[in-house]
C-alpha cells in the first residue's frame, strides 16, 4: 500500500520527512528494491521514467557512499561550542 506523495509533501513536517528518510536508508536496500512500486514512485516525483528515477536514486546513494555515509553508522556527535573563558583583569 502506498501513500500519495503530493499529500505527504504538504502535510509532513521536515522531522517527519527525515524520519521516513532514516527508515529508508536503514533498510536492506536490495530487499526494499523488490517491494518498491518504482512506476508509481517515479510518476509521483515527476520523473521522466522509472530508469531515470532509479538513476537519480543511485546517484544520491553514491554521494552518501563517497562521503562515508554508507553502512548505517551512527553520526558523529556534534561538539558544542561551550562557554567562553573570560580574561582576568587587573
Protein backbone atom coordinates (compact mmCIF):
# COMPACT_ATOMS: atom_id res chain seq x y z
CA UNK A 1 0.00 0.00 0.00
CA UNK A 2 1.45 3.33 -1.00
CA UNK A 3 0.78 6.87 0.09
CA UNK A 4 0.17 9.96 -2.01
CA UNK A 5 3.48 11.77 -2.49
CA UNK A 6 1.89 15.21 -3.02
CA UNK A 7 -0.19 14.92 0.16
CA UNK A 8 2.85 13.75 2.13
CA UNK A 9 4.86 16.75 0.87
CA UNK A 10 2.10 19.07 2.09
CA UNK A 11 1.24 17.58 5.47
CA UNK A 12 4.52 16.18 6.79
CA UNK A 13 6.98 18.48 8.51
CA UNK A 14 10.76 18.23 8.00
CA UNK A 15 11.22 15.99 11.05
CA UNK A 16 8.61 13.55 9.78
CA UNK A 17 10.16 13.52 6.30
CA UNK A 18 13.59 12.96 7.83
CA UNK A 19 12.21 10.06 9.89
CA UNK A 20 10.99 8.37 6.70
CA UNK A 21 14.38 9.02 5.11
CA UNK A 22 16.11 7.42 8.11
CA UNK A 23 13.86 4.37 7.85
CA UNK A 24 14.53 4.01 4.13
CA UNK A 25 18.30 4.41 4.48
CA UNK A 26 18.46 1.84 7.28
CA UNK A 27 16.72 -0.90 5.31
CA UNK A 28 18.29 -3.67 3.29
CA UNK A 29 18.22 -1.76 0.00
CA UNK A 30 18.25 -4.91 -2.15
CA UNK A 31 15.22 -6.32 -0.33
CA UNK A 32 13.48 -2.96 -0.35
CA UNK A 33 14.01 -2.55 -4.10
CA UNK A 34 11.85 -5.60 -4.74
CA UNK A 35 8.91 -4.09 -2.85
CA UNK A 36 9.01 -0.52 -4.21
CA UNK A 37 6.44 0.37 -6.85
CA UNK A 38 9.02 2.15 -8.99
CA UNK A 39 6.49 3.26 -11.61
CA UNK A 40 4.25 4.92 -9.03
CA UNK A 41 7.23 6.50 -7.24
CA UNK A 42 8.68 7.88 -10.48
CA UNK A 43 5.31 9.31 -11.53
CA UNK A 44 4.66 10.86 -8.10
CA UNK A 45 8.08 12.51 -8.13
CA UNK A 46 7.60 13.72 -11.69
CA UNK A 47 10.49 11.77 -13.13
CA UNK A 48 10.67 11.21 -16.88
CA UNK A 49 10.92 7.43 -16.47
CA UNK A 50 11.49 4.65 -13.97
CA UNK A 51 15.03 4.26 -15.28
CA UNK A 52 15.89 7.93 -14.74
CA UNK A 53 14.29 7.85 -11.28
CA UNK A 54 16.39 4.85 -10.28
CA UNK A 55 19.48 6.54 -11.73
CA UNK A 56 18.81 9.67 -9.62
CA UNK A 57 18.43 7.49 -6.52
CA UNK A 58 21.66 5.64 -7.28
CA UNK A 59 23.46 8.96 -7.79
CA UNK A 60 22.18 10.18 -4.41
CA UNK A 61 23.26 6.96 -2.69
CA UNK A 62 26.67 7.24 -4.39
CA UNK A 63 27.06 10.75 -2.93
CA UNK A 64 26.42 9.30 0.52
CA UNK A 65 28.88 6.49 -0.11
CA UNK A 66 31.57 8.89 -1.34
CA UNK A 67 31.26 10.95 1.85
CA UNK A 68 31.47 7.89 4.12
CA UNK A 69 27.74 7.67 4.75
CA UNK A 70 27.35 4.04 3.72
CA UNK A 71 26.86 1.29 6.28
CA UNK A 72 24.34 2.83 8.64
CA UNK A 73 26.96 4.17 11.02
CA UNK A 74 25.72 6.48 13.72
CA UNK A 75 26.57 10.10 13.02
CA UNK A 76 29.43 11.64 14.93
CA UNK A 77 28.23 13.67 17.90
CA UNK A 78 28.26 17.40 17.33
CA UNK A 79 30.70 19.15 19.61
CA UNK A 80 29.13 22.05 21.47
CA UNK A 81 30.79 25.43 21.32
CA UNK A 82 30.95 25.63 25.10
CA UNK A 83 31.34 28.79 27.13
CA UNK A 84 33.95 31.44 26.58
CA UNK A 85 36.69 31.92 29.09
CA UNK A 86 36.98 35.43 30.43
CA UNK A 87 40.37 37.05 30.76
CA UNK A 88 41.31 38.03 34.26
CA UNK A 89 41.62 41.76 34.65
CA UNK A 90 43.93 43.55 36.99
